[in-house]
Amino acid sequence: MLKESSALIEHGHRENSIEQTTGTIFDIVKFSTHDGPGIRTAVFFKGCPLHCWWCHNPEGQFPVAQLVYREERCIRCFSCVNACPNHAIKILDGTPILLRNACKLSGLCVWVCQTKAREIAGKPVKVSDVMEAVEKDTIFYDESAGGVTFSGGEPFMQPTFLQNLLEACKEKGLRTAIETCGFVNAETLMASCPYVDLYLYDLKIIDNETHRRFTGVSNEIILKNLRQLSHSHDQVIVRFPIIPGVNDNDENVHQLGEFVSSLGSVKEIDVLPYHDFGIGKYKRLGMMNRMPEVEQLSPVRLSEIVEKLQDFGLLVKVGG
């Protein structure tokens, strides 16, 4: 009896410890239909080891919180200037300008802004906070075979927080998916396998030097991890974001199709045509956009790429 009580107490302590684990996210999107099958709740983590030139979630690149300024909402009341305790906002030509090096993220400028022109991207949350949000939509997951998707940024940049969330979801019977760039410690990746129903694995460029140029890192770990994961998990979908002028050439498409077709359990590629929805975010974050103008992929070229990948015996879907 004493042993049983001790075990229950120990389990309670561990469960409480998991629930109190803290991570940093920048958004929770409900009723998502683009982050895995069915209706899903997508949790977006801060921090990514890659800095892709075309990134449409630049607020997910850095692991720390960032101040966002939407100039189009600003009414020039200058309440933010007076509120900032660090004097990090100055008036220049009638516009409040943020001196980002002086900003300490006190949040007071956000609090006084009447039009929500200022906000902070990134906040610390506990596992219990995230679970409270995702559990509210359980009925929608059940009816659509949906679930929870952890995205970013890169979820594996916060391995303990992610693992605890995965375990909490499994305990509640929630289906889980992870969208990952694959640049992660192999042991960390493999430890997640029992708790993940589906991996959405981004694969962008096969040539290592080209990959390094446009993402900032080598792809050796990414390719090695995908090969290992394909032998250990039977639910892996490769995602191929197509960026015109970067990775839409025949050579890269052929190399990608050849590599994916050589993997054991991976049979599907979701091709994701580039969109410019994230362009405005760079200015709001005070970040440099290295690809301000990208031509849209033509329907004809998209069909050609799909056919080339299908020639390798792969199931190819547009979107995902």
Protein backbone atom coordinates (compact mmCIF):
# COMPACT_ATOMS: atom_id res chain seq x y z
CA MET A 1 0.00 0.00 0.00
CA LEU A 2 2.85 2.35 0.91
CA LYS A 3 4.60 1.57 -2.40
CA GLU A 4 1.40 2.31 -4.34
CA SER A 5 0.98 5.63 -2.53
CA SER A 6 4.58 6.57 -3.20
CA ALA A 7 4.17 5.72 -6.89
CA LEU A 8 1.05 7.86 -7.12
CA ILE A 9 2.80 10.77 -5.42
CA GLU A 10 5.80 10.42 -7.72
CA HIS A 11 3.50 10.32 -10.77
CA GLY A 12 1.69 13.40 -9.51
CA HIS A 13 4.96 15.29 -9.04
CA ARG A 14 6.11 14.33 -12.56
CA GLU A 15 2.78 15.29 -14.10
CA ASN A 16 2.86 18.64 -12.33
CA SER A 17 6.46 19.19 -13.45
CA ILE A 18 5.50 18.55 -17.08
CA GLU A 19 2.56 20.92 -16.90
CA GLN A 20 4.76 23.70 -15.51
CA THR A 21 7.47 23.37 -18.19
CA THR A 22 7.78 26.69 -20.00
CA GLY A 23 8.47 27.43 -23.67
CA THR A 24 8.18 30.38 -26.02
CA ILE A 25 5.60 30.52 -28.79
CA PHE A 26 4.39 33.31 -31.07
CA ASP A 27 0.93 32.05 -32.03
CA ILE A 28 -1.76 29.43 -31.62
CA VAL A 29 -3.97 29.12 -34.69
CA LYS A 30 -7.26 27.27 -34.35
CA PHE A 31 -9.24 25.57 -37.12
CA SER A 32 -6.18 25.24 -39.35
CA THR A 33 -6.56 23.06 -42.45
CA HIS A 34 -3.05 23.55 -43.85
CA ASP A 35 -0.93 21.96 -41.13
CA GLY A 36 -1.83 18.32 -41.48
CA PRO A 37 -5.02 16.28 -41.99
CA GLY A 38 -8.41 17.37 -40.69
CA ILE A 39 -9.12 20.39 -38.53
CA ARG A 40 -6.14 21.22 -36.37
CA THR A 41 -4.76 23.60 -33.80
CA ALA A 42 -1.30 24.80 -34.85
CA VAL A 43 1.13 25.89 -32.15
CA PHE A 44 3.99 28.03 -33.48
CA PHE A 45 7.32 27.88 -31.62
CA LYS A 46 9.89 30.69 -31.53
CA GLY A 47 13.38 29.97 -32.81
CA CYS A 48 14.75 28.26 -35.92
CA PRO A 49 18.28 27.10 -36.85
CA LEU A 50 17.61 27.96 -40.50
CA HIS A 51 17.19 31.46 -41.89
CA CYS A 52 15.60 30.76 -45.25
CA TRP A 53 15.57 33.75 -47.56
CA TRP A 54 11.88 33.18 -48.38
CA CYS A 55 10.66 32.51 -44.82
CA HIS A 56 7.00 33.49 -44.46
CA ASN A 57 7.14 33.33 -40.65
CA PRO A 58 10.15 35.57 -39.87
CA GLU A 59 8.77 36.15 -36.38
CA GLY A 60 9.62 32.50 -35.74
CA GLN A 61 13.29 32.77 -36.64
CA PHE A 62 14.65 34.19 -33.39
CA PRO A 63 14.11 32.43 -30.03
CA VAL A 64 13.37 35.64 -28.13
CA ALA A 65 10.34 37.94 -28.17
CA GLN A 66 10.29 40.78 -30.71
CA LEU A 67 8.37 44.02 -30.94
CA VAL A 68 6.07 44.32 -33.95
CA TYR A 69 5.06 47.72 -35.35
CA ARG A 70 2.18 48.02 -37.85
CA GLU A 71 2.66 51.50 -39.27
CA GLU A 72 -0.62 51.38 -41.17
CA ARG A 73 -2.53 51.21 -37.87
CA CYS A 74 -0.62 54.04 -36.18
CA ILE A 75 -2.61 57.29 -35.61
CA ARG A 76 0.47 59.24 -34.44
CA CYS A 77 -0.84 59.87 -30.94
CA PHE A 78 2.72 59.30 -29.63
CA SER A 79 1.51 57.65 -26.43
CA CYS A 80 4.18 55.02 -27.01
CA VAL A 81 6.94 57.64 -26.99
CA ASN A 82 5.98 58.85 -23.53
CA ALA A 83 5.32 55.37 -22.19
CA CYS A 84 8.66 53.79 -23.07
CA PRO A 85 10.86 53.74 -19.93
CA ASN A 86 13.99 53.19 -22.03
CA HIS A 87 13.43 56.07 -24.46
CA ALA A 88 13.58 53.58 -27.32
CA ILE A 89 10.95 55.35 -29.45
CA LYS A 90 11.76 58.65 -31.14
CA ILE A 91 9.73 60.88 -33.42
CA LEU A 92 11.18 61.29 -36.90
CA ASP A 93 9.30 63.19 -39.61
CA GLY A 94 6.08 62.80 -37.67
CA THR A 95 6.47 59.03 -37.22
CA PRO A 96 7.39 57.16 -34.03
CA ILE A 97 10.57 55.21 -34.82
CA LEU A 98 11.72 52.29 -32.68
CA LEU A 99 15.40 52.16 -31.71
CA ARG A 100 15.56 48.37 -31.47
CA ASN A 101 18.97 48.30 -29.79
CA ALA A 102 17.55 50.35 -26.93
CA CYS A 103 14.28 48.41 -26.64
CA LYS A 104 14.04 46.22 -23.53
CA LEU A 105 10.56 44.90 -24.35
CA SER A 106 8.89 46.43 -21.33
CA GLY A 107 5.59 46.12 -23.22
CA LEU A 108 4.33 49.50 -22.04
CA CYS A 109 4.14 50.86 -25.60
CA VAL A 110 1.90 47.91 -26.49
CA TRP A 111 -0.29 48.50 -23.46
CA VAL A 112 -0.94 52.19 -24.25
CA CYS A 113 -1.47 51.76 -28.01
CA GLN A 114 -5.15 52.33 -28.75
CA THR A 115 -5.08 50.90 -32.29
CA LYS A 116 -2.94 47.82 -31.61
CA ALA A 117 -0.25 49.12 -33.92
CA ARG A 118 2.30 47.59 -31.56
CA GLU A 119 2.44 44.05 -30.26
CA ILE A 120 4.99 41.58 -29.02
CA ALA A 121 5.67 38.44 -31.07
CA GLY A 122 6.59 35.72 -28.65
CA LYS A 123 5.52 34.94 -25.12
CA PRO A 124 6.45 32.37 -22.48
CA VAL A 125 3.76 29.77 -21.86
CA LYS A 126 3.45 26.64 -19.77
CA VAL A 127 2.54 23.22 -21.12
CA SER A 128 -0.70 23.51 -19.17
CA ASP A 129 -1.50 26.81 -20.95
CA VAL A 130 -1.11 25.24 -24.38
CA MET A 131 -3.07 22.14 -23.40
CA GLU A 132 -5.91 24.27 -22.11
CA ALA A 133 -6.10 25.97 -25.51
CA VAL A 134 -5.92 22.85 -27.66
CA GLU A 135 -8.30 20.73 -25.59
CA LYS A 136 -11.14 23.17 -26.22
CA ASP A 137 -11.38 21.91 -29.81
CA THR A 138 -11.30 18.17 -29.15
CA ILE A 139 -14.72 17.69 -30.73
CA PHE A 140 -13.47 19.13 -34.03
CA TYR A 141 -10.41 16.88 -34.01
CA ASP A 142 -12.57 13.82 -33.45
CA GLU A 143 -15.02 14.65 -36.24
CA SER A 144 -12.36 15.47 -38.84
CA ALA A 145 -9.50 13.12 -37.85
CA GLY A 146 -7.53 16.25 -37.01
CA GLY A 147 -5.38 17.12 -34.04
CA VAL A 148 -2.53 19.31 -32.89
CA THR A 149 0.41 20.43 -35.05
CA PHE A 150 3.59 21.86 -33.59
CA SER A 151 5.26 24.22 -36.04
CA GLY A 152 7.33 27.36 -36.00
CA GLY A 153 10.05 28.36 -36.27
CA GLU A 154 11.39 24.94 -35.41
CA PRO A 155 9.71 23.03 -32.56
CA PHE A 156 12.82 20.95 -31.86
CA MET A 157 14.68 24.13 -30.87
CA GLN A 158 12.80 23.73 -27.57
CA PRO A 159 13.14 19.95 -27.10
CA THR A 160 12.02 19.58 -23.49
CA PHE A 161 8.99 21.81 -23.93
CA LEU A 162 8.05 20.00 -27.15
CA GLN A 163 8.51 16.52 -25.67
CA ASN A 164 6.38 17.38 -22.65
CA LEU A 165 3.64 18.74 -24.90
CA LEU A 166 3.73 15.60 -27.02
CA GLU A 167 3.42 13.41 -23.94
CA ALA A 168 0.56 15.51 -22.59
CA CYS A 169 -1.28 15.27 -25.92
CA LYS A 170 -0.86 11.51 -26.05
CA GLU A 171 -2.16 11.21 -22.51
CA LYS A 172 -5.30 13.07 -23.63
CA GLY A 173 -5.66 10.96 -26.78
CA LEU A 174 -4.93 13.86 -29.17
CA ARG A 175 -3.35 13.18 -32.56
CA THR A 176 -0.06 15.00 -33.02
CA ALA A 177 1.98 16.26 -35.94
CA ILE A 178 5.29 18.09 -36.10
CA GLU A 179 6.41 20.32 -38.92
CA THR A 180 10.20 20.31 -38.88
CA CYS A 181 13.12 21.50 -40.99
CA GLY A 182 15.03 18.40 -39.87
CA PHE A 183 18.06 20.28 -38.56
CA VAL A 184 17.89 18.66 -35.15
CA ASN A 185 19.88 16.35 -32.91
CA ALA A 186 19.15 12.80 -34.11
CA GLU A 187 18.54 11.44 -30.61
CA THR A 188 16.05 14.19 -29.88
CA LEU A 189 14.22 13.50 -33.13
CA MET A 190 14.04 9.76 -32.54
CA ALA A 191 12.90 10.19 -28.93
CA SER A 192 9.79 11.95 -30.22
CA CYS A 193 8.69 9.06 -32.46
CA PRO A 194 6.42 7.22 -29.99
CA TYR A 195 4.44 10.40 -29.40
CA VAL A 196 4.08 11.70 -32.96
CA ASP A 197 1.43 10.50 -35.40
CA LEU A 198 2.73 12.43 -38.39
CA TYR A 199 5.91 14.24 -39.39
CA LEU A 200 5.70 17.04 -41.94
CA TYR A 201 9.34 17.17 -43.01
CA ASP A 202 10.52 20.17 -45.02
CA LEU A 203 12.98 19.38 -47.80
CA LYS A 204 14.04 22.39 -49.83
CA ILE A 205 17.33 21.92 -51.68
CA ILE A 206 19.45 18.81 -52.25
CA ASP A 207 22.71 20.45 -53.30
CA ASN A 208 24.56 21.20 -50.08
CA GLU A 209 26.25 24.45 -51.09
CA THR A 210 23.05 25.89 -52.55
CA HIS A 211 21.21 24.87 -49.39
CA ARG A 212 23.83 26.56 -47.23
CA ARG A 213 23.61 29.75 -49.31
CA PHE A 214 19.85 30.15 -49.03
CA THR A 215 19.25 28.76 -45.51
CA GLY A 216 22.50 29.43 -43.67
CA VAL A 217 23.22 25.78 -42.81
CA SER A 218 24.38 22.54 -44.42
CA ASN A 219 21.71 19.98 -45.27
CA GLU A 220 23.79 16.93 -44.33
CA ILE A 221 22.06 16.50 -40.96
CA ILE A 222 18.66 17.13 -42.55
CA LEU A 223 19.08 14.40 -45.16
CA LYS A 224 20.60 11.95 -42.69
CA ASN A 225 17.80 12.50 -40.19
CA LEU A 226 15.12 12.04 -42.84
CA ARG A 227 16.64 8.75 -43.92
CA GLN A 228 16.78 7.51 -40.33
CA LEU A 229 13.27 8.73 -39.57
CA SER A 230 11.87 7.00 -42.65
CA HIS A 231 13.12 3.68 -41.30
CA SER A 232 11.67 4.26 -37.83
CA HIS A 233 8.29 5.89 -38.49
CA ASP A 234 5.72 5.03 -41.13
CA GLN A 235 3.95 8.40 -41.25
CA VAL A 236 6.28 10.95 -42.81
CA ILE A 237 5.24 13.42 -45.50
CA VAL A 238 7.92 15.45 -47.24
CA ARG A 239 7.05 19.08 -47.86
CA PHE A 240 8.71 20.81 -50.79
CA PRO A 241 8.29 24.61 -50.78
CA ILE A 242 8.89 25.72 -54.36
CA ILE A 243 10.71 29.03 -54.61
CA PRO A 244 11.03 30.31 -58.20
CA GLY A 245 14.63 31.06 -59.09
CA VAL A 246 15.95 29.12 -56.08
CA ASN A 247 14.87 25.46 -56.11
CA ASP A 248 12.41 25.07 -59.00
CA ASN A 249 15.07 24.03 -61.52
CA ASP A 250 14.97 20.57 -63.11
CA GLU A 251 18.19 19.45 -61.42
CA ASN A 252 16.94 20.09 -57.89
CA VAL A 253 13.52 18.59 -58.64
CA HIS A 254 15.16 15.45 -60.05
CA GLN A 255 17.56 15.13 -57.11
CA LEU A 256 14.73 15.61 -54.62
CA GLY A 257 12.52 13.03 -56.30
CA GLU A 258 15.42 10.57 -56.49
CA PHE A 259 16.28 11.01 -52.81
CA VAL A 260 12.72 10.76 -51.48
CA SER A 261 11.92 7.72 -53.62
CA SER A 262 14.91 5.94 -52.06
CA LEU A 263 13.41 6.25 -48.58
CA GLY A 264 11.58 3.30 -47.10
CA SER A 265 8.24 4.56 -45.83
CA VAL A 266 7.98 8.01 -47.41
CA LYS A 267 5.62 7.88 -50.36
CA GLU A 268 4.10 11.37 -50.40
CA ILE A 269 5.41 14.82 -51.26
CA ASP A 270 3.35 17.95 -50.70
CA VAL A 271 4.54 20.70 -53.04
CA LEU A 272 3.95 24.16 -51.62
CA PRO A 273 4.05 26.98 -54.19
CA TYR A 274 5.64 30.16 -52.86
CA HIS A 275 3.33 32.89 -51.60
CA ASP A 276 4.18 36.41 -50.49
CA PHE A 277 1.88 36.57 -47.45
CA GLY A 278 4.83 37.10 -45.10
CA ILE A 279 6.52 39.99 -46.90
CA GLY A 280 4.93 42.71 -44.75
CA LYS A 281 6.14 41.00 -41.58
CA TYR A 282 9.77 41.88 -42.25
CA LYS A 283 9.15 45.61 -42.09
CA ARG A 284 7.00 45.24 -38.98
CA LEU A 285 9.81 43.36 -37.26
CA GLY A 286 12.60 45.63 -38.50
CA MET A 287 14.18 42.69 -40.33
CA MET A 288 15.82 42.64 -43.76
CA ASN A 289 13.88 40.84 -46.47
CA ARG A 290 16.40 39.18 -48.79
CA MET A 291 13.74 38.22 -51.34
CA PRO A 292 11.43 41.24 -51.66
CA GLU A 293 10.33 40.26 -55.16
CA VAL A 294 9.67 36.70 -56.27
CA GLU A 295 7.79 35.77 -59.42
CA GLN A 296 4.80 33.53 -58.84
CA LEU A 297 5.17 29.97 -60.11
CA SER A 298 3.17 29.52 -63.31
CA PRO A 299 0.52 26.76 -63.42
CA VAL A 300 2.39 25.19 -66.35
CA ARG A 301 5.68 25.00 -64.42
CA LEU A 302 3.91 23.67 -61.34
CA SER A 303 2.35 20.88 -63.42
CA GLU A 304 5.77 20.02 -64.86
CA ILE A 305 7.30 19.74 -61.39
CA VAL A 306 4.43 17.57 -60.17
CA GLU A 307 4.82 15.24 -63.17
CA LYS A 308 8.60 14.96 -62.68
CA LEU A 309 8.11 13.93 -59.06
CA GLN A 310 5.33 11.51 -59.97
CA ASP A 311 7.74 9.80 -62.37
CA PHE A 312 9.58 8.54 -59.28
CA GLY A 313 6.44 6.69 -58.15
CA LEU A 314 5.58 9.24 -55.48
CA LEU A 315 2.16 10.53 -54.48
CA VAL A 316 2.33 14.27 -55.11
CA LYS A 317 -0.16 16.74 -53.70
CA VAL A 318 -0.28 20.50 -54.19
CA GLY A 319 -0.66 22.14 -50.80
CA GLY A 320 -0.89 20.30 -47.53
